[in-house]
């Protein structure tokens, strides 16, 4: 065997290549997650600006609408946070397996 070459058991290299391909597919999917976050923030900014300029609403109604928007945003951001966290953990495990 040549210097620097590592001997693998049968199927190990194939499994590693499959795992690497899966991770790269997930990495590509991250763009969609980032786009989702961008759309979420854009919509939040639009709705909030609309509420700010709405003079026909009574203060209590405006405040209730703002609370509703913040609750919806918090729920969506929680989902985004969870999704990014899962991806980060998977990517970290893959990186650690490459260093093992």
PDB file of N, CA and C in Angstrom:
ATOM      1  N   UNK A   1       0.844  -1.175   0.000  1.00  0.00           N
ATOM      2  CA  UNK A   1       0.000   0.000   0.000  1.00  0.00           C
ATOM      3  C   UNK A   1       0.888   1.237   0.000  1.00  0.00           C
ATOM      4  N   UNK A   2       0.511   2.288  -0.772  1.00  0.00           N
ATOM      5  CA  UNK A   2       1.315   3.508  -0.870  1.00  0.00           C
ATOM      6  C   UNK A   2       1.208   4.316   0.413  1.00  0.00           C
ATOM      7  N   UNK A   3       2.250   5.158   0.649  1.00  0.00           N
ATOM      8  CA  UNK A   3       2.214   6.042   1.810  1.00  0.00           C
ATOM      9  C   UNK A   3       1.013   6.973   1.707  1.00  0.00           C
ATOM     10  N   UNK A   4       0.360   7.246   2.836  1.00  0.00           N
ATOM     11  CA  UNK A   4      -0.755   8.176   2.868  1.00  0.00           C
ATOM     12  C   UNK A   4      -2.090   7.544   2.512  1.00  0.00           C
ATOM     13  N   UNK A   5      -2.085   6.324   2.049  1.00  0.00           N
ATOM     14  CA  UNK A   5      -3.338   5.648   1.687  1.00  0.00           C
ATOM     15  C   UNK A   5      -3.895   4.971   2.933  1.00  0.00           C
ATOM     16  N   UNK A   6      -5.184   5.057   3.103  1.00  0.00           N
ATOM     17  CA  UNK A   6      -5.845   4.418   4.229  1.00  0.00           C
ATOM     18  C   UNK A   6      -6.640   3.236   3.723  1.00  0.00           C
ATOM     19  N   UNK A   7      -6.529   2.140   4.429  1.00  0.00           N
ATOM     20  CA  UNK A   7      -7.275   0.950   4.031  1.00  0.00           C
ATOM     21  C   UNK A   7      -8.686   1.047   4.625  1.00  0.00           C
ATOM     22  N   UNK A   8      -9.691   0.820   3.785  1.00  0.00           N
ATOM     23  CA  UNK A   8     -11.092   0.868   4.219  1.00  0.00           C
ATOM     24  C   UNK A   8     -11.677  -0.522   4.144  1.00  0.00           C
ATOM     25  N   UNK A   9     -12.624  -0.785   5.013  1.00  0.00           N
ATOM     26  CA  UNK A   9     -13.324  -2.061   4.923  1.00  0.00           C
ATOM     27  C   UNK A   9     -14.345  -1.959   3.787  1.00  0.00           C
ATOM     28  N   UNK A  10     -14.750  -3.078   3.235  1.00  0.00           N
ATOM     29  CA  UNK A  10     -15.688  -3.073   2.103  1.00  0.00           C
ATOM     30  C   UNK A  10     -16.970  -2.302   2.463  1.00  0.00           C
ATOM     31  N   UNK A  11     -17.396  -1.435   1.576  1.00  0.00           N
ATOM     32  CA  UNK A  11     -18.615  -0.665   1.784  1.00  0.00           C
ATOM     33  C   UNK A  11     -18.423   0.628   2.546  1.00  0.00           C
ATOM     34  N   UNK A  12     -17.290   0.771   3.225  1.00  0.00           N
ATOM     35  CA  UNK A  12     -17.056   1.972   4.024  1.00  0.00           C
ATOM     36  C   UNK A  12     -16.971   3.210   3.133  1.00  0.00           C
ATOM     37  N   UNK A  13     -16.191   3.134   2.075  1.00  0.00           N
ATOM     38  CA  UNK A  13     -16.030   4.269   1.177  1.00  0.00           C
ATOM     39  C   UNK A  13     -17.361   4.627   0.527  1.00  0.00           C
ATOM     40  N   UNK A  14     -18.123   3.628   0.131  1.00  0.00           N
ATOM     41  CA  UNK A  14     -19.431   3.852  -0.476  1.00  0.00           C
ATOM     42  C   UNK A  14     -20.361   4.559   0.508  1.00  0.00           C
ATOM     43  N   UNK A  15     -20.347   4.122   1.757  1.00  0.00           N
ATOM     44  CA  UNK A  15     -21.186   4.749   2.786  1.00  0.00           C
ATOM     45  C   UNK A  15     -20.760   6.194   3.023  1.00  0.00           C
ATOM     46  N   UNK A  16     -19.446   6.426   3.031  1.00  0.00           N
ATOM     47  CA  UNK A  16     -18.947   7.788   3.238  1.00  0.00           C
ATOM     48  C   UNK A  16     -19.343   8.701   2.084  1.00  0.00           C
ATOM     49  N   UNK A  17     -19.257   8.175   0.858  1.00  0.00           N
ATOM     50  CA  UNK A  17     -19.658   8.960  -0.308  1.00  0.00           C
ATOM     51  C   UNK A  17     -21.150   9.261  -0.290  1.00  0.00           C
ATOM     52  N   UNK A  18     -21.936   8.296   0.125  1.00  0.00           N
ATOM     53  CA  UNK A  18     -23.385   8.503   0.225  1.00  0.00           C
ATOM     54  C   UNK A  18     -23.695   9.568   1.268  1.00  0.00           C
ATOM     55  N   UNK A  19     -23.016   9.503   2.413  1.00  0.00           N
ATOM     56  CA  UNK A  19     -23.217  10.501   3.467  1.00  0.00           C
ATOM     57  C   UNK A  19     -22.801  11.879   2.975  1.00  0.00           C
ATOM     58  N   UNK A  20     -21.699  11.969   2.260  1.00  0.00           N
ATOM     59  CA  UNK A  20     -21.227  13.249   1.733  1.00  0.00           C
ATOM     60  C   UNK A  20     -22.218  13.823   0.724  1.00  0.00           C
ATOM     61  N   UNK A  21     -22.749  12.980  -0.140  1.00  0.00           N
ATOM     62  CA  UNK A  21     -23.736  13.443  -1.129  1.00  0.00           C
ATOM     63  C   UNK A  21     -25.001  13.935  -0.444  1.00  0.00           C
ATOM     64  N   UNK A  22     -25.415  13.228   0.591  1.00  0.00           N
ATOM     65  CA  UNK A  22     -26.594  13.641   1.357  1.00  0.00           C
ATOM     66  C   UNK A  22     -26.366  14.996   2.009  1.00  0.00           C
ATOM     67  N   UNK A  23     -25.183  15.198   2.580  1.00  0.00           N
ATOM     68  CA  UNK A  23     -24.871  16.470   3.231  1.00  0.00           C
ATOM     69  C   UNK A  23     -24.849  17.611   2.219  1.00  0.00           C
ATOM     70  N   UNK A  24     -24.333  17.360   1.037  1.00  0.00           N
ATOM     71  CA  UNK A  24     -24.298  18.421   0.028  1.00  0.00           C
ATOM     72  C   UNK A  24     -25.699  18.757  -0.469  1.00  0.00           C
ATOM     73  N   UNK A  25     -26.571  17.761  -0.531  1.00  0.00           N
ATOM     74  CA  UNK A  25     -27.968  18.024  -0.889  1.00  0.00           C
ATOM     75  C   UNK A  25     -28.612  18.897   0.181  1.00  0.00           C
ATOM     76  N   UNK A  26     -28.335  18.593   1.440  1.00  0.00           N
ATOM     77  CA  UNK A  26     -28.853  19.412   2.538  1.00  0.00           C
ATOM     78  C   UNK A  26     -28.268  20.819   2.489  1.00  0.00           C
ATOM     79  N   UNK A  27     -26.999  20.927   2.146  1.00  0.00           N
ATOM     80  CA  UNK A  27     -26.369  22.248   2.060  1.00  0.00           C
ATOM     81  C   UNK A  27     -27.060  23.088   0.995  1.00  0.00           C
ATOM     82  N   UNK A  28     -27.407  22.469  -0.109  1.00  0.00           N
ATOM     83  CA  UNK A  28     -28.122  23.177  -1.171  1.00  0.00           C
ATOM     84  C   UNK A  28     -29.504  23.598  -0.682  1.00  0.00           C
ATOM     85  N   UNK A  29     -30.151  22.754   0.100  1.00  0.00           N
ATOM     86  CA  UNK A  29     -31.477  23.066   0.628  1.00  0.00           C
ATOM     87  C   UNK A  29     -31.445  24.222   1.623  1.00  0.00           C
ATOM     88  N   UNK A  30     -30.274  24.495   2.196  1.00  0.00           N
ATOM     89  CA  UNK A  30     -30.171  25.603   3.147  1.00  0.00           C
ATOM     90  C   UNK A  30     -30.557  26.925   2.491  1.00  0.00           C
ATOM     91  N   UNK A  31     -30.299  27.062   1.202  1.00  0.00           N
ATOM     92  CA  UNK A  31     -30.686  28.280   0.491  1.00  0.00           C
ATOM     93  C   UNK A  31     -32.180  28.536   0.633  1.00  0.00           C
ATOM     94  N   UNK A  32     -32.973  27.466   0.552  1.00  0.00           N
ATOM     95  CA  UNK A  32     -34.423  27.610   0.703  1.00  0.00           C
ATOM     96  C   UNK A  32     -34.785  28.085   2.100  1.00  0.00           C
ATOM     97  N   UNK A  33     -34.078  27.571   3.081  1.00  0.00           N
ATOM     98  CA  UNK A  33     -34.330  27.989   4.459  1.00  0.00           C
ATOM     99  C   UNK A  33     -33.979  29.468   4.629  1.00  0.00           C
ATOM    100  N   UNK A  34     -32.857  29.893   4.059  1.00  0.00           N
ATOM    101  CA  UNK A  34     -32.477  31.299   4.148  1.00  0.00           C
ATOM    102  C   UNK A  34     -33.486  32.184   3.427  1.00  0.00           C
ATOM    103  N   UNK A  35     -33.975  31.700   2.288  1.00  0.00           N
ATOM    104  CA  UNK A  35     -34.982  32.463   1.544  1.00  0.00           C
ATOM    105  C   UNK A  35     -36.275  32.571   2.350  1.00  0.00           C
ATOM    106  N   UNK A  36     -36.637  31.491   3.031  1.00  0.00           N
ATOM    107  CA  UNK A  36     -37.830  31.496   3.882  1.00  0.00           C
ATOM    108  C   UNK A  36     -37.669  32.563   4.971  1.00  0.00           C
ATOM    109  N   UNK A  37     -36.510  32.613   5.593  1.00  0.00           N
ATOM    110  CA  UNK A  37     -36.249  33.621   6.619  1.00  0.00           C
ATOM    111  C   UNK A  37     -36.339  35.024   6.052  1.00  0.00           C
ATOM    112  N   UNK A  38     -35.801  35.214   4.876  1.00  0.00           N
ATOM    113  CA  UNK A  38     -35.839  36.536   4.245  1.00  0.00           C
ATOM    114  C   UNK A  38     -37.274  36.951   3.935  1.00  0.00           C
ATOM    115  N   UNK A  39     -38.058  36.036   3.405  1.00  0.00           N
ATOM    116  CA  UNK A  39     -39.464  36.324   3.110  1.00  0.00           C
ATOM    117  C   UNK A  39     -40.211  36.638   4.411  1.00  0.00           C
ATOM    118  N   UNK A  40     -39.930  35.862   5.441  1.00  0.00           N
ATOM    119  CA  UNK A  40     -40.568  36.073   6.736  1.00  0.00           C
ATOM    120  C   UNK A  40     -40.293  37.482   7.256  1.00  0.00           C
ATOM    121  N   UNK A  41     -39.037  37.906   7.243  1.00  0.00           N
ATOM    122  CA  UNK A  41     -38.698  39.231   7.739  1.00  0.00           C
ATOM    123  C   UNK A  41     -39.268  40.344   6.858  1.00  0.00           C
ATOM    124  N   UNK A  42     -39.267  40.131   5.565  1.00  0.00           N
ATOM    125  CA  UNK A  42     -39.835  41.128   4.646  1.00  0.00           C
ATOM    126  C   UNK A  42     -41.328  41.309   4.926  1.00  0.00           C
ATOM    127  N   UNK A  43     -42.032  40.205   5.085  1.00  0.00           N
ATOM    128  CA  UNK A  43     -43.469  40.279   5.365  1.00  0.00           C
ATOM    129  C   UNK A  43     -43.728  40.904   6.731  1.00  0.00           C
ATOM    130  N   UNK A  44     -42.946  40.542   7.704  1.00  0.00           N
ATOM    131  CA  UNK A  44     -43.090  41.126   9.041  1.00  0.00           C
ATOM    132  C   UNK A  44     -42.893  42.638   8.992  1.00  0.00           C
ATOM    133  N   UNK A  45     -41.864  43.072   8.276  1.00  0.00           N
ATOM    134  CA  UNK A  45     -41.595  44.509   8.150  1.00  0.00           C
ATOM    135  C   UNK A  45     -42.756  45.218   7.439  1.00  0.00           C
ATOM    136  N   UNK A  46     -43.304  44.574   6.390  1.00  0.00           N
ATOM    137  CA  UNK A  46     -44.412  45.169   5.642  1.00  0.00           C
ATOM    138  C   UNK A  46     -45.659  45.312   6.514  1.00  0.00           C
ATOM    139  N   UNK A  47     -46.015  44.253   7.222  1.00  0.00           N
ATOM    140  CA  UNK A  47     -47.211  44.281   8.071  1.00  0.00           C
ATOM    141  C   UNK A  47     -47.038  45.282   9.207  1.00  0.00           C
ATOM    142  N   UNK A  48     -45.842  45.309   9.796  1.00  0.00           N
ATOM    143  CA  UNK A  48     -45.594  46.236  10.904  1.00  0.00           C
ATOM    144  C   UNK A  48     -45.689  47.685  10.435  1.00  0.00           C
ATOM    145  N   UNK A  49     -45.127  47.970   9.272  1.00  0.00           N
ATOM    146  CA  UNK A  49     -45.200  49.329   8.718  1.00  0.00           C
ATOM    147  C   UNK A  49     -46.648  49.718   8.435  1.00  0.00           C
ATOM    148  N   UNK A  50     -47.422  48.763   7.945  1.00  0.00           N
ATOM    149  CA  UNK A  50     -48.834  49.025   7.674  1.00  0.00           C
ATOM    150  C   UNK A  50     -49.571  49.347   8.967  1.00  0.00           C
ATOM    151  N   UNK A  51     -49.284  48.604  10.017  1.00  0.00           N
ATOM    152  CA  UNK A  51     -49.914  48.882  11.307  1.00  0.00           C
ATOM    153  C   UNK A  51     -49.488  50.248  11.847  1.00  0.00           C
ATOM    154  N   UNK A  52     -48.226  50.594  11.658  1.00  0.00           N
ATOM    155  CA  UNK A  52     -47.730  51.893  12.134  1.00  0.00           C
ATOM    156  C   UNK A  52     -48.452  53.064  11.482  1.00  0.00           C
ATOM    157  N   UNK A  53     -48.801  52.909  10.217  1.00  0.00           N
ATOM    158  CA  UNK A  53     -49.419  54.021   9.492  1.00  0.00           C
ATOM    159  C   UNK A  53     -50.939  53.993   9.547  1.00  0.00           C
ATOM    160  N   UNK A  54     -51.507  52.956  10.120  1.00  0.00           N
ATOM    161  CA  UNK A  54     -52.972  52.820  10.197  1.00  0.00           C
ATOM    162  C   UNK A  54     -53.513  53.721  11.307  1.00  0.00           C
ATOM    163  N   UNK A  55     -54.130  54.811  10.897  1.00  0.00           N
ATOM    164  CA  UNK A  55     -54.647  55.771  11.872  1.00  0.00           C
ATOM    165  C   UNK A  55     -56.097  55.508  12.233  1.00  0.00           C
ATOM    166  N   UNK A  56     -56.799  54.686  11.441  1.00  0.00           N
ATOM    167  CA  UNK A  56     -58.212  54.430  11.695  1.00  0.00           C
ATOM    168  C   UNK A  56     -58.432  53.449  12.850  1.00  0.00           C
ATOM    169  N   UNK A  57     -57.395  52.715  13.208  1.00  0.00           N
ATOM    170  CA  UNK A  57     -57.518  51.739  14.297  1.00  0.00           C
ATOM    171  C   UNK A  57     -57.449  52.420  15.653  1.00  0.00           C
ATOM    172  N   UNK A  58     -58.292  51.969  16.555  1.00  0.00           N
ATOM    173  CA  UNK A  58     -58.199  52.429  17.939  1.00  0.00           C
ATOM    174  C   UNK A  58     -56.894  51.876  18.519  1.00  0.00           C
ATOM    175  N   UNK A  59     -56.358  52.546  19.523  1.00  0.00           N
ATOM    176  CA  UNK A  59     -55.079  52.139  20.116  1.00  0.00           C
ATOM    177  C   UNK A  59     -55.119  50.682  20.556  1.00  0.00           C
ATOM    178  N   UNK A  60     -56.201  50.278  21.225  1.00  0.00           N
ATOM    179  CA  UNK A  60     -56.295  48.911  21.726  1.00  0.00           C
ATOM    180  C   UNK A  60     -56.304  47.903  20.575  1.00  0.00           C
ATOM    181  N   UNK A  61     -56.998  48.210  19.484  1.00  0.00           N
ATOM    182  CA  UNK A  61     -57.039  47.321  18.329  1.00  0.00           C
ATOM    183  C   UNK A  61     -55.664  47.233  17.658  1.00  0.00           C
ATOM    184  N   UNK A  62     -54.998  48.375  17.576  1.00  0.00           N
ATOM    185  CA  UNK A  62     -53.658  48.403  16.982  1.00  0.00           C
ATOM    186  C   UNK A  62     -52.690  47.574  17.818  1.00  0.00           C
ATOM    187  N   UNK A  63     -52.764  47.747  19.120  1.00  0.00           N
ATOM    188  CA  UNK A  63     -51.900  46.999  20.022  1.00  0.00           C
ATOM    189  C   UNK A  63     -52.181  45.498  19.921  1.00  0.00           C
ATOM    190  N   UNK A  64     -53.465  45.118  19.838  1.00  0.00           N
ATOM    191  CA  UNK A  64     -53.833  43.706  19.706  1.00  0.00           C
ATOM    192  C   UNK A  64     -53.294  43.139  18.387  1.00  0.00           C
ATOM    193  N   UNK A  65     -53.372  43.915  17.326  1.00  0.00           N
ATOM    194  CA  UNK A  65     -52.841  43.470  16.033  1.00  0.00           C
ATOM    195  C   UNK A  65     -51.327  43.311  16.107  1.00  0.00           C
ATOM    196  N   UNK A  66     -50.639  44.220  16.772  1.00  0.00           N
ATOM    197  CA  UNK A  66     -49.192  44.124  16.909  1.00  0.00           C
ATOM    198  C   UNK A  66     -48.807  42.883  17.718  1.00  0.00           C
ATOM    199  N   UNK A  67     -49.548  42.605  18.771  1.00  0.00           N
ATOM    200  CA  UNK A  67     -49.294  41.407  19.576  1.00  0.00           C
ATOM    201  C   UNK A  67     -49.482  40.169  18.710  1.00  0.00           C
ATOM    202  N   UNK A  68     -50.535  40.147  17.915  1.00  0.00           N
ATOM    203  CA  UNK A  68     -50.789  39.001  17.031  1.00  0.00           C
ATOM    204  C   UNK A  68     -49.639  38.813  16.040  1.00  0.00           C
ATOM    205  N   UNK A  69     -49.178  39.903  15.435  1.00  0.00           N
ATOM    206  CA  UNK A  69     -48.066  39.829  14.473  1.00  0.00           C
ATOM    207  C   UNK A  69     -46.808  39.296  15.166  1.00  0.00           C
ATOM    208  N   UNK A  70     -46.536  39.786  16.363  1.00  0.00           N
ATOM    209  CA  UNK A  70     -45.355  39.326  17.092  1.00  0.00           C
ATOM    210  C   UNK A  70     -45.472  37.852  17.477  1.00  0.00           C
ATOM    211  N   UNK A  71     -46.663  37.406  17.851  1.00  0.00           N
ATOM    212  CA  UNK A  71     -46.848  35.990  18.174  1.00  0.00           C
ATOM    213  C   UNK A  71     -46.631  35.109  16.946  1.00  0.00           C
ATOM    214  N   UNK A  72     -47.182  35.526  15.810  1.00  0.00           N
ATOM    215  CA  UNK A  72     -46.996  34.776  14.569  1.00  0.00           C
ATOM    216  C   UNK A  72     -45.516  34.751  14.163  1.00  0.00           C
ATOM    217  N   UNK A  73     -44.860  35.897  14.281  1.00  0.00           N
ATOM    218  CA  UNK A  73     -43.443  35.980  13.922  1.00  0.00           C
ATOM    219  C   UNK A  73     -42.601  35.104  14.845  1.00  0.00           C
ATOM    220  N   UNK A  74     -42.917  35.125  16.120  1.00  0.00           N
ATOM    221  CA  UNK A  74     -42.178  34.316  17.083  1.00  0.00           C
ATOM    222  C   UNK A  74     -42.318  32.829  16.769  1.00  0.00           C
ATOM    223  N   UNK A  75     -43.519  32.397  16.419  1.00  0.00           N
ATOM    224  CA  UNK A  75     -43.735  30.991  16.074  1.00  0.00           C
ATOM    225  C   UNK A  75     -42.946  30.625  14.813  1.00  0.00           C
ATOM    226  N   UNK A  76     -43.005  31.483  13.803  1.00  0.00           N
ATOM    227  CA  UNK A  76     -42.281  31.206  12.560  1.00  0.00           C
ATOM    228  C   UNK A  76     -40.774  31.237  12.772  1.00  0.00           C
ATOM    229  N   UNK A  77     -40.305  32.192  13.540  1.00  0.00           N
ATOM    230  CA  UNK A  77     -38.871  32.277  13.816  1.00  0.00           C
ATOM    231  C   UNK A  77     -38.408  31.082  14.647  1.00  0.00           C
ATOM    232  N   UNK A  78     -39.281  30.595  15.524  1.00  0.00           N
ATOM    233  CA  UNK A  78     -38.954  29.395  16.292  1.00  0.00           C
ATOM    234  C   UNK A  78     -38.745  28.200  15.374  1.00  0.00           C
ATOM    235  N   UNK A  79     -39.608  28.073  14.358  1.00  0.00           N
ATOM    236  CA  UNK A  79     -39.454  26.994  13.390  1.00  0.00           C
ATOM    237  C   UNK A  79     -38.157  27.160  12.594  1.00  0.00           C
ATOM    238  N   UNK A  80     -37.869  28.388  12.207  1.00  0.00           N
ATOM    239  CA  UNK A  80     -36.633  28.668  11.469  1.00  0.00           C
ATOM    240  C   UNK A  80     -35.416  28.336  12.336  1.00  0.00           C
ATOM    241  N   UNK A  81     -35.443  28.754  13.578  1.00  0.00           N
ATOM    242  CA  UNK A  81     -34.365  28.478  14.525  1.00  0.00           C
ATOM    243  C   UNK A  81     -34.156  26.973  14.680  1.00  0.00           C
ATOM    244  N   UNK A  82     -35.262  26.234  14.862  1.00  0.00           N
ATOM    245  CA  UNK A  82     -35.164  24.781  15.025  1.00  0.00           C
ATOM    246  C   UNK A  82     -34.584  24.114  13.781  1.00  0.00           C
ATOM    247  N   UNK A  83     -35.035  24.552  12.614  1.00  0.00           N
ATOM    248  CA  UNK A  83     -34.553  23.983  11.358  1.00  0.00           C
ATOM    249  C   UNK A  83     -33.061  24.240  11.176  1.00  0.00           C
ATOM    250  N   UNK A  84     -32.644  25.472  11.423  1.00  0.00           N
ATOM    251  CA  UNK A  84     -31.220  25.802  11.298  1.00  0.00           C
ATOM    252  C   UNK A  84     -30.391  25.056  12.339  1.00  0.00           C
ATOM    253  N   UNK A  85     -30.919  24.910  13.531  1.00  0.00           N
ATOM    254  CA  UNK A  85     -30.214  24.179  14.587  1.00  0.00           C
ATOM    255  C   UNK A  85     -30.002  22.720  14.223  1.00  0.00           C
ATOM    256  N   UNK A  86     -31.040  22.076  13.675  1.00  0.00           N
ATOM    257  CA  UNK A  86     -30.899  20.669  13.254  1.00  0.00           C
ATOM    258  C   UNK A  86     -29.843  20.546  12.155  1.00  0.00           C
ATOM    259  N   UNK A  87     -29.888  21.460  11.208  1.00  0.00           N
ATOM    260  CA  UNK A  87     -28.907  21.425  10.120  1.00  0.00           C
ATOM    261  C   UNK A  87     -27.496  21.617  10.653  1.00  0.00           C
ATOM    262  N   UNK A  88     -27.332  22.555  11.549  1.00  0.00           N
ATOM    263  CA  UNK A  88     -26.014  22.823  12.121  1.00  0.00           C
ATOM    264  C   UNK A  88     -25.480  21.581  12.839  1.00  0.00           C
ATOM    265  N   UNK A  89     -26.333  20.929  13.599  1.00  0.00           N
ATOM    266  CA  UNK A  89     -25.899  19.722  14.320  1.00  0.00           C
ATOM    267  C   UNK A  89     -25.509  18.608  13.350  1.00  0.00           C
ATOM    268  N   UNK A  90     -26.311  18.417  12.274  1.00  0.00           N
ATOM    269  CA  UNK A  90     -25.976  17.380  11.283  1.00  0.00           C
ATOM    270  C   UNK A  90     -24.654  17.698  10.601  1.00  0.00           C
ATOM    271  N   UNK A  91     -24.465  18.959  10.212  1.00  0.00           N
ATOM    272  CA  UNK A  91     -23.229  19.350   9.541  1.00  0.00           C
ATOM    273  C   UNK A  91     -22.032  19.173  10.486  1.00  0.00           C
ATOM    274  N   UNK A  92     -22.215  19.515  11.748  1.00  0.00           N
ATOM    275  CA  UNK A  92     -21.143  19.372  12.736  1.00  0.00           C
ATOM    276  C   UNK A  92     -20.765  17.909  12.908  1.00  0.00           C
ATOM    277  N   UNK A  93     -21.778  17.028  13.001  1.00  0.00           N
ATOM    278  CA  UNK A  93     -21.490  15.585  13.131  1.00  0.00           C
ATOM    279  C   UNK A  93     -20.744  15.072  11.903  1.00  0.00           C
ATOM    280  N   UNK A  94     -21.160  15.533  10.721  1.00  0.00           N
ATOM    281  CA  UNK A  94     -20.477  15.098   9.494  1.00  0.00           C
ATOM    282  C   UNK A  94     -19.030  15.555   9.500  1.00  0.00           C
ATOM    283  N   UNK A  95     -18.810  16.801   9.894  1.00  0.00           N
ATOM    284  CA  UNK A  95     -17.437  17.334   9.948  1.00  0.00           C
ATOM    285  C   UNK A  95     -16.607  16.557  10.949  1.00  0.00           C
ATOM    286  N   UNK A  96     -17.178  16.258  12.098  1.00  0.00           N
ATOM    287  CA  UNK A  96     -16.443  15.492  13.112  1.00  0.00           C
ATOM    288  C   UNK A  96     -16.117  14.087  12.600  1.00  0.00           C
ATOM    289  N   UNK A  97     -17.035  13.491  11.846  1.00  0.00           N
ATOM    290  CA  UNK A  97     -16.760  12.145  11.326  1.00  0.00           C
ATOM    291  C   UNK A  97     -15.635  12.175  10.298  1.00  0.00           C
ATOM    292  N   UNK A  98     -15.485  13.294   9.611  1.00  0.00           N
ATOM    293  CA  UNK A  98     -14.382  13.407   8.654  1.00  0.00           C
ATOM    294  C   UNK A  98     -13.029  13.529   9.357  1.00  0.00           C
ATOM    295  N   UNK A  99     -13.055  14.074  10.561  1.00  0.00           N
ATOM    296  CA  UNK A  99     -11.817  14.256  11.330  1.00  0.00           C
ATOM    297  C   UNK A  99     -11.486  13.031  12.171  1.00  0.00           C
ATOM    298  N   UNK A 100     -12.433  12.102  12.270  1.00  0.00           N
ATOM    299  CA  UNK A 100     -12.221  10.906  13.120  1.00  0.00           C
ATOM    300  C   UNK A 100     -11.330   9.887  12.423  1.00  0.00           C
TER     301      UNK A 100
END
